[in-house]
Amino acid sequence: MYVGIVIKEVRKQKGLTQVDLSDQSGISVRTIQRIEKDEVEPSIYSLKVISEILGVDFLKIRSKYSMTFISKLLGINLNDPSMTTQGKIQIEERLQKIESHLLSIDRTYRKNRRMLRGVLYATGAMAFGILASWIIWMLTRSY
């Protein structure tokens, strides 16, 4: 089952429309539609916001496929039957730290992307202004 399908089903069970979810999350209706159709992969930040509104931990659903990678990264055998309760608690703490770091990286990426877009718009506007000024100067010059 894909994350988008799960989001759609939980949203319907909670009695929310896509517009309601959009209003509460700040994510556009079109983006929510595309996430629910699995046309796009939601960002970690979007997933976190949606999961808080719907009351479901989608990060765990999403990371289900990456648990093998995480276990190798952490050097832990998650299927070890001899693992103690304390060991499981330590794993959960480490996963929460990883989740926190991923959210931080995602927020930084989004912030930098918005800032870069602003810089590109400003640069384009300046280039257009310079070009327009040059054209006007060329047209007003005496031949």
Protein backbone atom coordinates (compact mmCIF):
# COMPACT_ATOMS: atom_id res chain seq x y z
CA MET A 1 0.00 0.00 0.00
CA TYR A 2 1.33 3.41 -0.94
CA VAL A 3 1.46 6.40 1.38
CA GLY A 4 -0.92 8.45 -0.80
CA ILE A 5 -3.61 5.78 -0.66
CA VAL A 6 -3.23 5.53 3.11
CA ILE A 7 -3.52 9.32 3.46
CA LYS A 8 -6.68 9.33 1.34
CA GLU A 9 -8.33 6.52 3.33
CA VAL A 10 -7.46 8.01 6.73
CA ARG A 11 -8.62 11.46 5.59
CA LYS A 12 -11.97 10.00 4.52
CA GLN A 13 -12.31 8.07 7.80
CA LYS A 14 -11.75 11.32 9.70
CA GLY A 15 -14.48 12.97 7.61
CA LEU A 16 -12.16 15.54 6.05
CA THR A 17 -12.23 16.74 2.47
CA GLN A 18 -9.10 17.56 0.50
CA VAL A 19 -9.99 21.24 0.94
CA ASP A 20 -10.23 20.79 4.74
CA LEU A 21 -6.86 19.07 4.82
CA SER A 22 -5.40 21.81 2.63
CA ASP A 23 -6.73 24.56 4.88
CA GLN A 24 -5.40 22.92 8.03
CA SER A 25 -2.01 21.94 6.60
CA GLY A 26 -1.20 24.92 4.39
CA ILE A 27 -0.53 22.53 1.50
CA SER A 28 -2.32 23.33 -1.75
CA VAL A 29 -5.35 21.25 -2.71
CA ARG A 30 -3.65 20.28 -5.99
CA THR A 31 -0.60 18.98 -4.12
CA ILE A 32 -2.80 16.93 -1.78
CA GLN A 33 -4.61 15.49 -4.80
CA ARG A 34 -1.30 14.55 -6.41
CA ILE A 35 0.00 13.00 -3.16
CA GLU A 36 -3.18 10.92 -2.77
CA LYS A 37 -2.89 9.69 -6.36
CA ASP A 38 0.80 8.86 -5.70
CA GLU A 39 1.81 11.18 -8.55
CA VAL A 40 4.33 12.87 -6.28
CA GLU A 41 6.29 11.77 -3.25
CA PRO A 42 5.41 14.04 -0.32
CA SER A 43 8.28 15.81 1.37
CA ILE A 44 9.13 14.81 4.90
CA TYR A 45 7.78 18.15 6.12
CA SER A 46 4.45 17.69 4.27
CA LEU A 47 4.18 14.15 5.56
CA LYS A 48 4.82 15.32 9.10
CA VAL A 49 2.16 18.07 8.88
CA ILE A 50 -0.43 15.73 7.35
CA SER A 51 0.33 13.02 9.92
CA GLU A 52 -0.19 15.47 12.79
CA ILE A 53 -3.58 16.57 11.39
CA LEU A 54 -4.77 13.01 10.72
CA GLY A 55 -3.25 11.55 13.88
CA VAL A 56 -1.27 8.83 12.09
CA ASP A 57 2.50 8.33 11.98
CA PHE A 58 3.10 8.30 8.23
CA LEU A 59 6.85 8.61 8.72
CA LYS A 60 6.88 5.05 9.99
CA ILE A 61 4.76 3.90 7.04
CA ARG A 62 7.02 5.72 4.62
CA SER A 63 10.21 4.41 6.19
CA LYS A 64 8.92 0.82 6.16
CA TYR A 65 10.79 0.27 2.91
CA SER A 66 13.98 1.84 4.22
CA MET A 67 14.19 -0.11 7.50
CA THR A 68 16.82 -2.43 6.03
CA PHE A 69 18.94 0.59 5.12
CA ILE A 70 18.44 2.15 8.56
CA SER A 71 19.32 -1.07 10.35
CA LYS A 72 22.52 -1.36 8.31
CA LEU A 73 23.27 2.32 8.92
CA LEU A 74 22.82 1.91 12.68
CA GLY A 75 24.49 -1.49 12.78
CA ILE A 76 21.43 -3.12 14.35
CA ASN A 77 19.59 -6.31 13.53
CA LEU A 78 15.96 -5.23 13.92
CA ASN A 79 14.73 -8.82 13.69
CA ASP A 80 16.92 -10.12 16.51
CA PRO A 81 14.63 -12.11 18.86
CA SER A 82 17.08 -11.71 21.74
CA MET A 83 16.81 -7.90 21.67
CA THR A 84 15.91 -6.52 25.09
CA THR A 85 13.32 -3.88 25.86
CA GLN A 86 16.13 -1.47 26.63
CA GLY A 87 17.64 -2.19 23.22
CA LYS A 88 14.33 -1.47 21.53
CA ILE A 89 14.03 1.81 23.44
CA GLN A 90 17.52 2.82 22.33
CA ILE A 91 16.63 2.03 18.71
CA GLU A 92 13.46 4.13 18.96
CA GLU A 93 15.48 7.04 20.39
CA ARG A 94 17.99 6.79 17.56
CA LEU A 95 15.22 6.67 14.95
CA GLN A 96 13.62 9.76 16.50
CA LYS A 97 16.95 11.59 16.24
CA ILE A 98 17.27 10.57 12.59
CA GLU A 99 13.69 11.74 11.95
CA SER A 100 14.47 15.06 13.62
CA HIS A 101 17.58 15.53 11.48
CA LEU A 102 15.69 14.66 8.30
CA LEU A 103 12.98 17.20 9.14
CA SER A 104 15.64 19.83 9.79
CA ILE A 105 17.36 19.09 6.48
CA ASP A 106 14.02 19.23 4.66
CA ARG A 107 13.12 22.61 6.23
CA THR A 108 16.55 24.01 5.34
CA TYR A 109 16.23 22.75 1.76
CA ARG A 110 12.80 24.37 1.38
CA LYS A 111 14.02 27.65 2.87
CA ASN A 112 17.06 27.73 0.59
CA ARG A 113 14.94 26.85 -2.44
CA ARG A 114 12.55 29.76 -1.73
CA MET A 115 15.50 32.11 -1.19
CA LEU A 116 17.17 30.98 -4.42
CA ARG A 117 13.93 31.50 -6.33
CA GLY A 118 13.78 35.07 -4.96
CA VAL A 119 17.37 35.73 -5.97
CA LEU A 120 16.72 34.40 -9.47
CA TYR A 121 13.64 36.59 -9.86
CA ALA A 122 15.55 39.64 -8.64
CA THR A 123 18.45 38.87 -11.00
CA GLY A 124 16.04 38.48 -13.91
CA ALA A 125 14.32 41.76 -13.06
CA MET A 126 17.68 43.53 -12.87
CA ALA A 127 18.77 42.07 -16.20
CA PHE A 128 15.49 43.13 -17.78
CA GLY A 129 15.91 46.64 -16.34
CA ILE A 130 19.44 46.93 -17.69
CA LEU A 131 18.38 45.66 -21.11
CA ALA A 132 15.41 48.06 -21.22
CA SER A 133 17.64 50.96 -20.19
CA TRP A 134 20.19 50.09 -22.89
CA ILE A 135 17.45 49.87 -25.55
CA ILE A 136 16.02 53.24 -24.51
CA TRP A 137 19.51 54.77 -24.52
CA MET A 138 20.16 53.35 -28.00
CA LEU A 139 16.85 54.67 -29.32
CA THR A 140 17.32 58.15 -27.90
CA ARG A 141 20.90 58.55 -29.08
CA SER A 142 21.49 61.00 -31.87
CA TYR A 143 22.78 59.45 -35.06
